[in-house]
Amino acid sequence: ERHYFIRGGLLNRTFLALDKIGRFIDRFIPKAIRQRAVKKAE
């Protein structure tokens, strides 16, 4: 499936683009930063 998200107006499409960018760079987030963020959420 390639159409999980409904495309809305310009703002929504902008956020969807940022969503894709974030998903791409997620693999490059240092483990220390992720652990720090998890600890803060906890």
PDB file of all heavy atoms in Angstrom:
ATOM      1  N   GLU A   1       0.848  -1.201   0.000  1.00  0.00           N
ATOM      2  CA  GLU A   1       0.000   0.000   0.000  1.00  0.00           C
ATOM      3  C   GLU A   1       0.883   1.251   0.000  1.00  0.00           C
ATOM      4  O   GLU A   1       1.855   1.353   0.745  1.00  0.00           O
ATOM      5  CB  GLU A   1      -0.909  -0.013   1.235  1.00  0.00           C
ATOM      6  CG  GLU A   1      -1.769   1.225   1.396  1.00  0.00           C
ATOM      7  CD  GLU A   1      -2.775   1.386   0.284  1.00  0.00           C
ATOM      8  OE1 GLU A   1      -3.597   0.464   0.076  1.00  0.00           O
ATOM      9  OE2 GLU A   1      -2.737   2.453  -0.370  1.00  0.00           O
ATOM     10  N   ARG A   2       0.516   2.216  -0.863  1.00  0.00           N
ATOM     11  CA  ARG A   2       1.301   3.449  -0.964  1.00  0.00           C
ATOM     12  C   ARG A   2       0.482   4.706  -0.641  1.00  0.00           C
ATOM     13  O   ARG A   2       0.986   5.821  -0.787  1.00  0.00           O
ATOM     14  CB  ARG A   2       1.876   3.588  -2.389  1.00  0.00           C
ATOM     15  CG  ARG A   2       2.989   2.594  -2.700  1.00  0.00           C
ATOM     16  CD  ARG A   2       4.228   2.890  -1.866  1.00  0.00           C
ATOM     17  NE  ARG A   2       5.341   1.970  -2.133  1.00  0.00           N
ATOM     18  CZ  ARG A   2       5.555   0.853  -1.455  1.00  0.00           C
ATOM     19  NH1 ARG A   2       4.716   0.507  -0.469  1.00  0.00           N
ATOM     20  NH2 ARG A   2       6.574   0.070  -1.755  1.00  0.00           N
ATOM     21  N   HIS A   3      -0.737   4.533  -0.191  1.00  0.00           N
ATOM     22  CA  HIS A   3      -1.615   5.693   0.008  1.00  0.00           C
ATOM     23  C   HIS A   3      -2.257   5.649   1.398  1.00  0.00           C
ATOM     24  O   HIS A   3      -3.478   5.656   1.546  1.00  0.00           O
ATOM     25  CB  HIS A   3      -2.683   5.737  -1.076  1.00  0.00           C
ATOM     26  CG  HIS A   3      -2.126   5.785  -2.463  1.00  0.00           C
ATOM     27  ND1 HIS A   3      -1.507   6.911  -2.975  1.00  0.00           N
ATOM     28  CD2 HIS A   3      -2.067   4.834  -3.436  1.00  0.00           C
ATOM     29  CE1 HIS A   3      -1.101   6.654  -4.205  1.00  0.00           C
ATOM     30  NE2 HIS A   3      -1.416   5.415  -4.513  1.00  0.00           N
ATOM     31  N   TYR A   4      -1.416   5.635   2.407  1.00  0.00           N
ATOM     32  CA  TYR A   4      -1.927   5.622   3.775  1.00  0.00           C
ATOM     33  C   TYR A   4      -2.374   7.012   4.246  1.00  0.00           C
ATOM     34  O   TYR A   4      -3.197   7.128   5.145  1.00  0.00           O
ATOM     35  CB  TYR A   4      -0.857   5.088   4.735  1.00  0.00           C
ATOM     36  CG  TYR A   4      -0.701   3.588   4.691  1.00  0.00           C
ATOM     37  CD1 TYR A   4       0.434   3.000   4.121  1.00  0.00           C
ATOM     38  CD2 TYR A   4      -1.676   2.756   5.225  1.00  0.00           C
ATOM     39  CE1 TYR A   4       0.598   1.618   4.093  1.00  0.00           C
ATOM     40  CE2 TYR A   4      -1.528   1.378   5.198  1.00  0.00           C
ATOM     41  CZ  TYR A   4      -0.395   0.811   4.634  1.00  0.00           C
ATOM     42  OH  TYR A   4      -0.248  -0.557   4.610  1.00  0.00           O
ATOM     43  N   PHE A   5      -1.822   8.066   3.641  1.00  0.00           N
ATOM     44  CA  PHE A   5      -2.109   9.420   4.110  1.00  0.00           C
ATOM     45  C   PHE A   5      -2.927  10.187   3.075  1.00  0.00           C
ATOM     46  O   PHE A   5      -2.627  10.143   1.872  1.00  0.00           O
ATOM     47  CB  PHE A   5      -0.808  10.182   4.403  1.00  0.00           C
ATOM     48  CG  PHE A   5      -0.042   9.624   5.566  1.00  0.00           C
ATOM     49  CD1 PHE A   5       0.980   8.694   5.362  1.00  0.00           C
ATOM     50  CD2 PHE A   5      -0.348   9.999   6.865  1.00  0.00           C
ATOM     51  CE1 PHE A   5       1.687   8.168   6.430  1.00  0.00           C
ATOM     52  CE2 PHE A   5       0.357   9.475   7.947  1.00  0.00           C
ATOM     53  CZ  PHE A   5       1.370   8.557   7.730  1.00  0.00           C
ATOM     54  N   ILE A   6      -3.929  10.877   3.559  1.00  0.00           N
ATOM     55  CA  ILE A   6      -4.733  11.737   2.697  1.00  0.00           C
ATOM     56  C   ILE A   6      -4.013  13.075   2.547  1.00  0.00           C
ATOM     57  O   ILE A   6      -3.596  13.687   3.536  1.00  0.00           O
ATOM     58  CB  ILE A   6      -6.135  11.959   3.298  1.00  0.00           C
ATOM     59  CG1 ILE A   6      -6.873  10.619   3.402  1.00  0.00           C
ATOM     60  CG2 ILE A   6      -6.936  12.955   2.471  1.00  0.00           C
ATOM     61  CD1 ILE A   6      -8.210  10.720   4.119  1.00  0.00           C
ATOM     62  N   ARG A   7      -3.885  13.523   1.334  1.00  0.00           N
ATOM     63  CA  ARG A   7      -3.222  14.803   1.086  1.00  0.00           C
ATOM     64  C   ARG A   7      -4.266  15.920   1.107  1.00  0.00           C
ATOM     65  O   ARG A   7      -5.234  15.897   0.352  1.00  0.00           O
ATOM     66  CB  ARG A   7      -2.491  14.783  -0.260  1.00  0.00           C
ATOM     67  CG  ARG A   7      -1.326  13.805  -0.257  1.00  0.00           C
ATOM     68  CD  ARG A   7      -0.520  13.889  -1.544  1.00  0.00           C
ATOM     69  NE  ARG A   7       0.631  13.007  -1.478  1.00  0.00           N
ATOM     70  CZ  ARG A   7       1.786  13.330  -0.936  1.00  0.00           C
ATOM     71  NH1 ARG A   7       1.935  14.519  -0.386  1.00  0.00           N
ATOM     72  NH2 ARG A   7       2.792  12.473  -0.915  1.00  0.00           N
ATOM     73  N   GLY A   8      -4.027  16.883   1.994  1.00  0.00           N
ATOM     74  CA  GLY A   8      -4.943  17.995   2.120  1.00  0.00           C
ATOM     75  C   GLY A   8      -4.389  19.258   1.500  1.00  0.00           C
ATOM     76  O   GLY A   8      -3.827  19.247   0.403  1.00  0.00           O
ATOM     77  N   GLY A   9      -4.520  20.380   2.223  1.00  0.00           N
ATOM     78  CA  GLY A   9      -4.057  21.655   1.719  1.00  0.00           C
ATOM     79  C   GLY A   9      -2.544  21.787   1.780  1.00  0.00           C
ATOM     80  O   GLY A   9      -1.815  20.839   2.102  1.00  0.00           O
ATOM     81  N   LEU A  10      -2.077  23.000   1.479  1.00  0.00           N
ATOM     82  CA  LEU A  10      -0.641  23.255   1.406  1.00  0.00           C
ATOM     83  C   LEU A  10       0.053  22.960   2.730  1.00  0.00           C
ATOM     84  O   LEU A  10       1.117  22.331   2.754  1.00  0.00           O
ATOM     85  CB  LEU A  10      -0.396  24.713   1.004  1.00  0.00           C
ATOM     86  CG  LEU A  10       1.075  25.166   0.966  1.00  0.00           C
ATOM     87  CD1 LEU A  10       1.855  24.345  -0.057  1.00  0.00           C
ATOM     88  CD2 LEU A  10       1.159  26.655   0.653  1.00  0.00           C
ATOM     89  N   LEU A  11      -0.550  23.392   3.834  1.00  0.00           N
ATOM     90  CA  LEU A  11       0.078  23.170   5.136  1.00  0.00           C
ATOM     91  C   LEU A  11       0.188  21.680   5.434  1.00  0.00           C
ATOM     92  O   LEU A  11       1.220  21.200   5.914  1.00  0.00           O
ATOM     93  CB  LEU A  11      -0.721  23.888   6.230  1.00  0.00           C
ATOM     94  CG  LEU A  11      -0.097  23.902   7.630  1.00  0.00           C
ATOM     95  CD1 LEU A  11       1.269  24.561   7.615  1.00  0.00           C
ATOM     96  CD2 LEU A  11      -1.027  24.618   8.614  1.00  0.00           C
ATOM     97  N   ASN A  12      -0.878  20.940   5.145  1.00  0.00           N
ATOM     98  CA  ASN A  12      -0.852  19.499   5.370  1.00  0.00           C
ATOM     99  C   ASN A  12       0.204  18.821   4.508  1.00  0.00           C
ATOM    100  O   ASN A  12       0.954  17.953   4.971  1.00  0.00           O
ATOM    101  CB  ASN A  12      -2.239  18.906   5.085  1.00  0.00           C
ATOM    102  CG  ASN A  12      -2.255  17.393   5.142  1.00  0.00           C
ATOM    103  OD1 ASN A  12      -2.222  16.729   4.112  1.00  0.00           O
ATOM    104  ND2 ASN A  12      -2.273  16.848   6.346  1.00  0.00           N
ATOM    105  N   ARG A  13       0.300  19.217   3.232  1.00  0.00           N
ATOM    106  CA  ARG A  13       1.304  18.618   2.338  1.00  0.00           C
ATOM    107  C   ARG A  13       2.713  18.960   2.804  1.00  0.00           C
ATOM    108  O   ARG A  13       3.631  18.146   2.680  1.00  0.00           O
ATOM    109  CB  ARG A  13       1.073  19.094   0.900  1.00  0.00           C
ATOM    110  CG  ARG A  13      -0.219  18.575   0.285  1.00  0.00           C
ATOM    111  CD  ARG A  13      -0.218  18.709  -1.236  1.00  0.00           C
ATOM    112  NE  ARG A  13      -0.045  20.087  -1.666  1.00  0.00           N
ATOM    113  CZ  ARG A  13      -1.033  20.966  -1.825  1.00  0.00           C
ATOM    114  NH1 ARG A  13      -2.288  20.591  -1.557  1.00  0.00           N
ATOM    115  NH2 ARG A  13      -0.791  22.191  -2.257  1.00  0.00           N
ATOM    116  N   THR A  14       2.881  20.163   3.357  1.00  0.00           N
ATOM    117  CA  THR A  14       4.186  20.549   3.889  1.00  0.00           C
ATOM    118  C   THR A  14       4.573  19.655   5.055  1.00  0.00           C
ATOM    119  O   THR A  14       5.714  19.173   5.137  1.00  0.00           O
ATOM    120  CB  THR A  14       4.170  22.021   4.332  1.00  0.00           C
ATOM    121  OG1 THR A  14       3.841  22.851   3.215  1.00  0.00           O
ATOM    122  CG2 THR A  14       5.526  22.434   4.889  1.00  0.00           C
ATOM    123  N   PHE A  15       3.615  19.426   5.945  1.00  0.00           N
ATOM    124  CA  PHE A  15       3.894  18.558   7.089  1.00  0.00           C
ATOM    125  C   PHE A  15       4.167  17.123   6.646  1.00  0.00           C
ATOM    126  O   PHE A  15       5.004  16.428   7.231  1.00  0.00           O
ATOM    127  CB  PHE A  15       2.731  18.598   8.088  1.00  0.00           C
ATOM    128  CG  PHE A  15       2.763  19.785   9.011  1.00  0.00           C
ATOM    129  CD1 PHE A  15       1.666  20.632   9.114  1.00  0.00           C
ATOM    130  CD2 PHE A  15       3.882  20.050   9.790  1.00  0.00           C
ATOM    131  CE1 PHE A  15       1.686  21.727   9.970  1.00  0.00           C
ATOM    132  CE2 PHE A  15       3.911  21.139  10.652  1.00  0.00           C
ATOM    133  CZ  PHE A  15       2.814  21.987  10.743  1.00  0.00           C
ATOM    134  N   LEU A  16       3.458  16.653   5.611  1.00  0.00           N
ATOM    135  CA  LEU A  16       3.724  15.304   5.102  1.00  0.00           C
ATOM    136  C   LEU A  16       5.147  15.202   4.549  1.00  0.00           C
ATOM    137  O   LEU A  16       5.822  14.184   4.732  1.00  0.00           O
ATOM    138  CB  LEU A  16       2.701  14.940   4.023  1.00  0.00           C
ATOM    139  CG  LEU A  16       1.312  14.538   4.508  1.00  0.00           C
ATOM    140  CD1 LEU A  16       0.360  14.365   3.327  1.00  0.00           C
ATOM    141  CD2 LEU A  16       1.375  13.234   5.315  1.00  0.00           C
ATOM    142  N   ALA A  17       5.596  16.263   3.868  1.00  0.00           N
ATOM    143  CA  ALA A  17       6.968  16.270   3.351  1.00  0.00           C
ATOM    144  C   ALA A  17       7.976  16.242   4.498  1.00  0.00           C
ATOM    145  O   ALA A  17       8.977  15.500   4.454  1.00  0.00           O
ATOM    146  CB  ALA A  17       7.184  17.501   2.478  1.00  0.00           C
ATOM    147  N   LEU A  18       7.710  17.022   5.536  1.00  0.00           N
ATOM    148  CA  LEU A  18       8.590  17.021   6.701  1.00  0.00           C
ATOM    149  C   LEU A  18       8.568  15.658   7.390  1.00  0.00           C
ATOM    150  O   LEU A  18       9.587  15.200   7.927  1.00  0.00           O
ATOM    151  CB  LEU A  18       8.161  18.117   7.677  1.00  0.00           C
ATOM    152  CG  LEU A  18       8.373  19.562   7.198  1.00  0.00           C
ATOM    153  CD1 LEU A  18       7.743  20.539   8.179  1.00  0.00           C
ATOM    154  CD2 LEU A  18       9.860  19.860   7.035  1.00  0.00           C
ATOM    155  N   ASP A  19       7.399  15.019   7.371  1.00  0.00           N
ATOM    156  CA  ASP A  19       7.267  13.687   7.961  1.00  0.00           C
ATOM    157  C   ASP A  19       8.201  12.698   7.256  1.00  0.00           C
ATOM    158  O   ASP A  19       8.891  11.900   7.900  1.00  0.00           O
ATOM    159  CB  ASP A  19       5.804  13.236   7.849  1.00  0.00           C
ATOM    160  CG  ASP A  19       5.524  11.942   8.593  1.00  0.00           C
ATOM    161  OD1 ASP A  19       5.650  10.859   7.982  1.00  0.00           O
ATOM    162  OD2 ASP A  19       5.172  12.008   9.782  1.00  0.00           O
ATOM    163  N   LYS A  20       8.247  12.765   5.934  1.00  0.00           N
ATOM    164  CA  LYS A  20       9.126  11.875   5.170  1.00  0.00           C
ATOM    165  C   LYS A  20      10.591  12.163   5.458  1.00  0.00           C
ATOM    166  O   LYS A  20      11.411  11.246   5.581  1.00  0.00           O
ATOM    167  CB  LYS A  20       8.840  12.025   3.681  1.00  0.00           C
ATOM    168  CG  LYS A  20       7.520  11.402   3.236  1.00  0.00           C
ATOM    169  CD  LYS A  20       7.361  11.499   1.729  1.00  0.00           C
ATOM    170  CE  LYS A  20       6.067  10.831   1.270  1.00  0.00           C
ATOM    171  NZ  LYS A  20       5.887  10.929  -0.203  1.00  0.00           N
ATOM    172  N   ILE A  21      10.915  13.436   5.552  1.00  0.00           N
ATOM    173  CA  ILE A  21      12.303  13.811   5.850  1.00  0.00           C
ATOM    174  C   ILE A  21      12.702  13.290   7.227  1.00  0.00           C
ATOM    175  O   ILE A  21      13.789  12.721   7.416  1.00  0.00           O
ATOM    176  CB  ILE A  21      12.468  15.338   5.778  1.00  0.00           C
ATOM    177  CG1 ILE A  21      12.270  15.816   4.338  1.00  0.00           C
ATOM    178  CG2 ILE A  21      13.841  15.763   6.305  1.00  0.00           C
ATOM    179  CD1 ILE A  21      12.200  17.330   4.196  1.00  0.00           C
ATOM    180  N   GLY A  22      11.825  13.480   8.192  1.00  0.00           N
ATOM    181  CA  GLY A  22      12.113  13.004   9.543  1.00  0.00           C
ATOM    182  C   GLY A  22      12.299  11.503   9.593  1.00  0.00           C
ATOM    183  O   GLY A  22      13.215  10.985  10.268  1.00  0.00           O
ATOM    184  N   ARG A  23      11.448  10.790   8.859  1.00  0.00           N
ATOM    185  CA  ARG A  23      11.565   9.328   8.838  1.00  0.00           C
ATOM    186  C   ARG A  23      12.908   8.897   8.229  1.00  0.00           C
ATOM    187  O   ARG A  23      13.514   7.920   8.669  1.00  0.00           O
ATOM    188  CB  ARG A  23      10.396   8.743   8.046  1.00  0.00           C
ATOM    189  CG  ARG A  23      10.147   7.273   8.280  1.00  0.00           C
ATOM    190  CD  ARG A  23       8.983   6.789   7.416  1.00  0.00           C
ATOM    191  NE  ARG A  23       7.780   7.574   7.649  1.00  0.00           N
ATOM    192  CZ  ARG A  23       6.937   7.356   8.653  1.00  0.00           C
ATOM    193  NH1 ARG A  23       7.190   6.389   9.510  1.00  0.00           N
ATOM    194  NH2 ARG A  23       5.862   8.098   8.795  1.00  0.00           N
ATOM    195  N   PHE A  24      13.366   9.659   7.225  1.00  0.00           N
ATOM    196  CA  PHE A  24      14.637   9.318   6.585  1.00  0.00           C
ATOM    197  C   PHE A  24      15.815   9.527   7.541  1.00  0.00           C
ATOM    198  O   PHE A  24      16.721   8.690   7.623  1.00  0.00           O
ATOM    199  CB  PHE A  24      14.824  10.156   5.319  1.00  0.00           C
ATOM    200  CG  PHE A  24      16.168   9.988   4.678  1.00  0.00           C
ATOM    201  CD1 PHE A  24      16.467   8.848   3.934  1.00  0.00           C
ATOM    202  CD2 PHE A  24      17.164  10.950   4.836  1.00  0.00           C
ATOM    203  CE1 PHE A  24      17.721   8.677   3.356  1.00  0.00           C
ATOM    204  CE2 PHE A  24      18.418  10.786   4.267  1.00  0.00           C
ATOM    205  CZ  PHE A  24      18.690   9.646   3.521  1.00  0.00           C
ATOM    206  N   ILE A  25      15.802  10.667   8.249  1.00  0.00           N
ATOM    207  CA  ILE A  25      16.957  10.976   9.106  1.00  0.00           C
ATOM    208  C   ILE A  25      16.902  10.246  10.443  1.00  0.00           C
ATOM    209  O   ILE A  25      17.882  10.288  11.204  1.00  0.00           O
ATOM    210  CB  ILE A  25      17.083  12.497   9.347  1.00  0.00           C
ATOM    211  CG1 ILE A  25      15.896  13.013  10.176  1.00  0.00           C
ATOM    212  CG2 ILE A  25      17.202  13.249   8.025  1.00  0.00           C
ATOM    213  CD1 ILE A  25      16.039  14.473  10.572  1.00  0.00           C
ATOM    214  N   ASP A  26      15.810   9.569  10.714  1.00  0.00           N
ATOM    215  CA  ASP A  26      15.669   8.887  12.006  1.00  0.00           C
ATOM    216  C   ASP A  26      16.815   7.905  12.240  1.00  0.00           C
ATOM    217  O   ASP A  26      17.318   7.778  13.359  1.00  0.00           O
ATOM    218  CB  ASP A  26      14.327   8.151  12.064  1.00  0.00           C
ATOM    219  CG  ASP A  26      14.070   7.527  13.420  1.00  0.00           C
ATOM    220  OD1 ASP A  26      13.587   8.235  14.330  1.00  0.00           O
ATOM    221  OD2 ASP A  26      14.358   6.320  13.586  1.00  0.00           O
ATOM    222  N   ARG A  27      17.216   7.232  11.178  1.00  0.00           N
ATOM    223  CA  ARG A  27      18.266   6.211  11.325  1.00  0.00           C
ATOM    224  C   ARG A  27      19.612   6.823  11.719  1.00  0.00           C
ATOM    225  O   ARG A  27      20.499   6.119  12.179  1.00  0.00           O
ATOM    226  CB  ARG A  27      18.401   5.439  10.012  1.00  0.00           C
ATOM    227  CG  ARG A  27      19.024   6.234   8.878  1.00  0.00           C
ATOM    228  CD  ARG A  27      18.815   5.607   7.517  1.00  0.00           C
ATOM    229  NE  ARG A  27      17.432   5.786   7.073  1.00  0.00           N
ATOM    230  CZ  ARG A  27      16.977   5.361   5.900  1.00  0.00           C
ATOM    231  NH1 ARG A  27      17.790   4.719   5.071  1.00  0.00           N
ATOM    232  NH2 ARG A  27      15.720   5.560   5.558  1.00  0.00           N
ATOM    233  N   PHE A  28      19.745   8.130  11.516  1.00  0.00           N
ATOM    234  CA  PHE A  28      21.018   8.789  11.818  1.00  0.00           C
ATOM    235  C   PHE A  28      21.040   9.460  13.192  1.00  0.00           C
ATOM    236  O   PHE A  28      22.049  10.064  13.563  1.00  0.00           O
ATOM    237  CB  PHE A  28      21.328   9.831  10.741  1.00  0.00           C
ATOM    238  CG  PHE A  28      21.378   9.261   9.352  1.00  0.00           C
ATOM    239  CD1 PHE A  28      20.426   9.612   8.406  1.00  0.00           C
ATOM    240  CD2 PHE A  28      22.363   8.346   8.992  1.00  0.00           C
ATOM    241  CE1 PHE A  28      20.457   9.087   7.129  1.00  0.00           C
ATOM    242  CE2 PHE A  28      22.411   7.814   7.710  1.00  0.00           C
ATOM    243  CZ  PHE A  28      21.455   8.173   6.774  1.00  0.00           C
ATOM    244  N   ILE A  29      19.935   9.384  13.921  1.00  0.00           N
ATOM    245  CA  ILE A  29      19.891  10.005  15.251  1.00  0.00           C
ATOM    246  C   ILE A  29      20.821   9.229  16.188  1.00  0.00           C
ATOM    247  O   ILE A  29      20.700   8.004  16.332  1.00  0.00           O
ATOM    248  CB  ILE A  29      18.452  10.004  15.811  1.00  0.00           C
ATOM    249  CG1 ILE A  29      17.554  10.897  14.950  1.00  0.00           C
ATOM    250  CG2 ILE A  29      18.432  10.484  17.264  1.00  0.00           C
ATOM    251  CD1 ILE A  29      16.093  10.875  15.361  1.00  0.00           C
ATOM    252  N   PRO A  30      21.758   9.902  16.825  1.00  0.00           N
ATOM    253  CA  PRO A  30      22.676   9.200  17.739  1.00  0.00           C
ATOM    254  C   PRO A  30      21.912   8.518  18.872  1.00  0.00           C
ATOM    255  O   PRO A  30      20.920   9.047  19.385  1.00  0.00           O
ATOM    256  CB  PRO A  30      23.574  10.324  18.274  1.00  0.00           C
ATOM    257  CG  PRO A  30      23.497  11.395  17.235  1.00  0.00           C
ATOM    258  CD  PRO A  30      22.112  11.327  16.685  1.00  0.00           C
ATOM    259  N   LYS A  31      22.395   7.344  19.249  1.00  0.00           N
ATOM    260  CA  LYS A  31      21.727   6.588  20.307  1.00  0.00           C
ATOM    261  C   LYS A  31      21.667   7.373  21.609  1.00  0.00           C
ATOM    262  O   LYS A  31      20.693   7.273  22.363  1.00  0.00           O
ATOM    263  CB  LYS A  31      22.449   5.259  20.531  1.00  0.00           C
ATOM    264  CG  LYS A  31      22.251   4.241  19.416  1.00  0.00           C
ATOM    265  CD  LYS A  31      22.914   2.908  19.758  1.00  0.00           C
ATOM    266  CE  LYS A  31      22.694   1.888  18.654  1.00  0.00           C
ATOM    267  NZ  LYS A  31      23.348   0.575  18.971  1.00  0.00           N
ATOM    268  N   ALA A  32      22.672   8.159  21.872  1.00  0.00           N
ATOM    269  CA  ALA A  32      22.703   8.922  23.120  1.00  0.00           C
ATOM    270  C   ALA A  32      21.561   9.934  23.175  1.00  0.00           C
ATOM    271  O   ALA A  32      20.949  10.148  24.229  1.00  0.00           O
ATOM    272  CB  ALA A  32      24.040   9.630  23.262  1.00  0.00           C
ATOM    273  N   ILE A  33      21.285  10.555  22.020  1.00  0.00           N
ATOM    274  CA  ILE A  33      20.187  11.529  21.978  1.00  0.00           C
ATOM    275  C   ILE A  33      18.850  10.825  22.152  1.00  0.00           C
ATOM    276  O   ILE A  33      17.973  11.295  22.889  1.00  0.00           O
ATOM    277  CB  ILE A  33      20.231  12.323  20.660  1.00  0.00           C
ATOM    278  CG1 ILE A  33      21.465  13.220  20.646  1.00  0.00           C
ATOM    279  CG2 ILE A  33      18.955  13.137  20.476  1.00  0.00           C
ATOM    280  CD1 ILE A  33      21.622  14.043  19.378  1.00  0.00           C
ATOM    281  N   ARG A  34      18.716   9.664  21.486  1.00  0.00           N
ATOM    282  CA  ARG A  34      17.455   8.926  21.636  1.00  0.00           C
ATOM    283  C   ARG A  34      17.259   8.484  23.081  1.00  0.00           C
ATOM    284  O   ARG A  34      16.156   8.593  23.626  1.00  0.00           O
ATOM    285  CB  ARG A  34      17.424   7.733  20.691  1.00  0.00           C
ATOM    286  CG  ARG A  34      16.224   6.820  20.894  1.00  0.00           C
ATOM    287  CD  ARG A  34      15.577   6.425  19.597  1.00  0.00           C
ATOM    288  NE  ARG A  34      14.984   7.533  18.882  1.00  0.00           N
ATOM    289  CZ  ARG A  34      14.441   7.445  17.667  1.00  0.00           C
ATOM    290  NH1 ARG A  34      14.422   6.286  17.035  1.00  0.00           N
ATOM    291  NH2 ARG A  34      13.914   8.505  17.074  1.00  0.00           N
ATOM    292  N   GLN A  35      18.295   7.986  23.691  1.00  0.00           N
ATOM    293  CA  GLN A  35      18.180   7.541  25.079  1.00  0.00           C
ATOM    294  C   GLN A  35      17.832   8.703  26.005  1.00  0.00           C
ATOM    295  O   GLN A  35      17.029   8.560  26.919  1.00  0.00           O
ATOM    296  CB  GLN A  35      19.487   6.872  25.515  1.00  0.00           C
ATOM    297  CG  GLN A  35      19.730   5.516  24.859  1.00  0.00           C
ATOM    298  CD  GLN A  35      21.113   4.964  25.150  1.00  0.00           C
ATOM    299  OE1 GLN A  35      21.950   5.638  25.761  1.00  0.00           O
ATOM    300  NE2 GLN A  35      21.380   3.737  24.705  1.00  0.00           N
ATOM    301  N   ARG A  36      18.433   9.854  25.724  1.00  0.00           N
ATOM    302  CA  ARG A  36      18.126  11.034  26.523  1.00  0.00           C
ATOM    303  C   ARG A  36      16.661  11.430  26.367  1.00  0.00           C
ATOM    304  O   ARG A  36      15.975  11.772  27.339  1.00  0.00           O
ATOM    305  CB  ARG A  36      19.036  12.183  26.097  1.00  0.00           C
ATOM    306  CG  ARG A  36      18.800  13.481  26.846  1.00  0.00           C
ATOM    307  CD  ARG A  36      19.705  14.577  26.306  1.00  0.00           C
ATOM    308  NE  ARG A  36      19.241  15.893  26.701  1.00  0.00           N
ATOM    309  CZ  ARG A  36      19.432  16.995  26.000  1.00  0.00           C
ATOM    310  NH1 ARG A  36      20.074  16.939  24.837  1.00  0.00           N
ATOM    311  NH2 ARG A  36      18.994  18.154  26.434  1.00  0.00           N
ATOM    312  N   ALA A  37      16.160  11.360  25.139  1.00  0.00           N
ATOM    313  CA  ALA A  37      14.764  11.720  24.884  1.00  0.00           C
ATOM    314  C   ALA A  37      13.811  10.727  25.551  1.00  0.00           C
ATOM    315  O   ALA A  37      12.785  11.117  26.121  1.00  0.00           O
ATOM    316  CB  ALA A  37      14.508  11.772  23.384  1.00  0.00           C
ATOM    317  N   VAL A  38      14.143   9.442  25.472  1.00  0.00           N
ATOM    318  CA  VAL A  38      13.314   8.427  26.125  1.00  0.00           C
ATOM    319  C   VAL A  38      13.268   8.660  27.630  1.00  0.00           C
ATOM    320  O   VAL A  38      12.199   8.579  28.260  1.00  0.00           O
ATOM    321  CB  VAL A  38      13.843   7.012  25.803  1.00  0.00           C
ATOM    322  CG1 VAL A  38      13.161   5.969  26.689  1.00  0.00           C
ATOM    323  CG2 VAL A  38      13.606   6.675  24.329  1.00  0.00           C
ATOM    324  N   LYS A  39      14.411   8.967  28.199  1.00  0.00           N
ATOM    325  CA  LYS A  39      14.461   9.229  29.641  1.00  0.00           C
ATOM    326  C   LYS A  39      13.610  10.445  30.007  1.00  0.00           C
ATOM    327  O   LYS A  39      12.942  10.462  31.045  1.00  0.00           O
ATOM    328  CB  LYS A  39      15.909   9.446  30.088  1.00  0.00           C
ATOM    329  CG  LYS A  39      16.743   8.167  30.156  1.00  0.00           C
ATOM    330  CD  LYS A  39      16.199   7.224  31.230  1.00  0.00           C
ATOM    331  CE  LYS A  39      17.057   5.972  31.364  1.00  0.00           C
ATOM    332  NZ  LYS A  39      16.468   5.026  32.356  1.00  0.00           N
ATOM    333  N   LYS A  40      13.636  11.452  29.143  1.00  0.00           N
ATOM    334  CA  LYS A  40      12.838  12.645  29.432  1.00  0.00           C
ATOM    335  C   LYS A  40      11.345  12.347  29.327  1.00  0.00           C
ATOM    336  O   LYS A  40      10.543  12.836  30.129  1.00  0.00           O
ATOM    337  CB  LYS A  40      13.220  13.781  28.479  1.00  0.00           C
ATOM    338  CG  LYS A  40      12.597  15.115  28.883  1.00  0.00           C
ATOM    339  CD  LYS A  40      13.250  16.293  28.189  1.00  0.00           C
ATOM    340  CE  LYS A  40      12.653  17.607  28.707  1.00  0.00           C
ATOM    341  NZ  LYS A  40      13.282  18.792  28.060  1.00  0.00           N
ATOM    342  N   ALA A  41      10.964  11.536  28.350  1.00  0.00           N
ATOM    343  CA  ALA A  41       9.555  11.138  28.231  1.00  0.00           C
ATOM    344  C   ALA A  41       9.129  10.333  29.446  1.00  0.00           C
ATOM    345  O   ALA A  41       8.046  10.554  30.013  1.00  0.00           O
ATOM    346  CB  ALA A  41       9.354  10.328  26.951  1.00  0.00           C
ATOM    347  N   GLU A  42       9.979   9.405  29.840  1.00  0.00           N
ATOM    348  CA  GLU A  42       9.696   8.586  31.016  1.00  0.00           C
ATOM    349  C   GLU A  42       9.581   9.458  32.266  1.00  0.00           C
ATOM    350  O   GLU A  42       8.655   9.282  33.081  1.00  0.00           O
ATOM    351  CB  GLU A  42      10.817   7.556  31.180  1.00  0.00           C
ATOM    352  CG  GLU A  42      10.626   6.576  32.318  1.00  0.00           C
ATOM    353  CD  GLU A  42      11.826   5.637  32.435  1.00  0.00           C
ATOM    354  OE1 GLU A  42      12.839   5.850  31.719  1.00  0.00           O
ATOM    355  OE2 GLU A  42      11.752   4.706  33.253  1.00  0.00           O
TER     356      GLU A  42
END
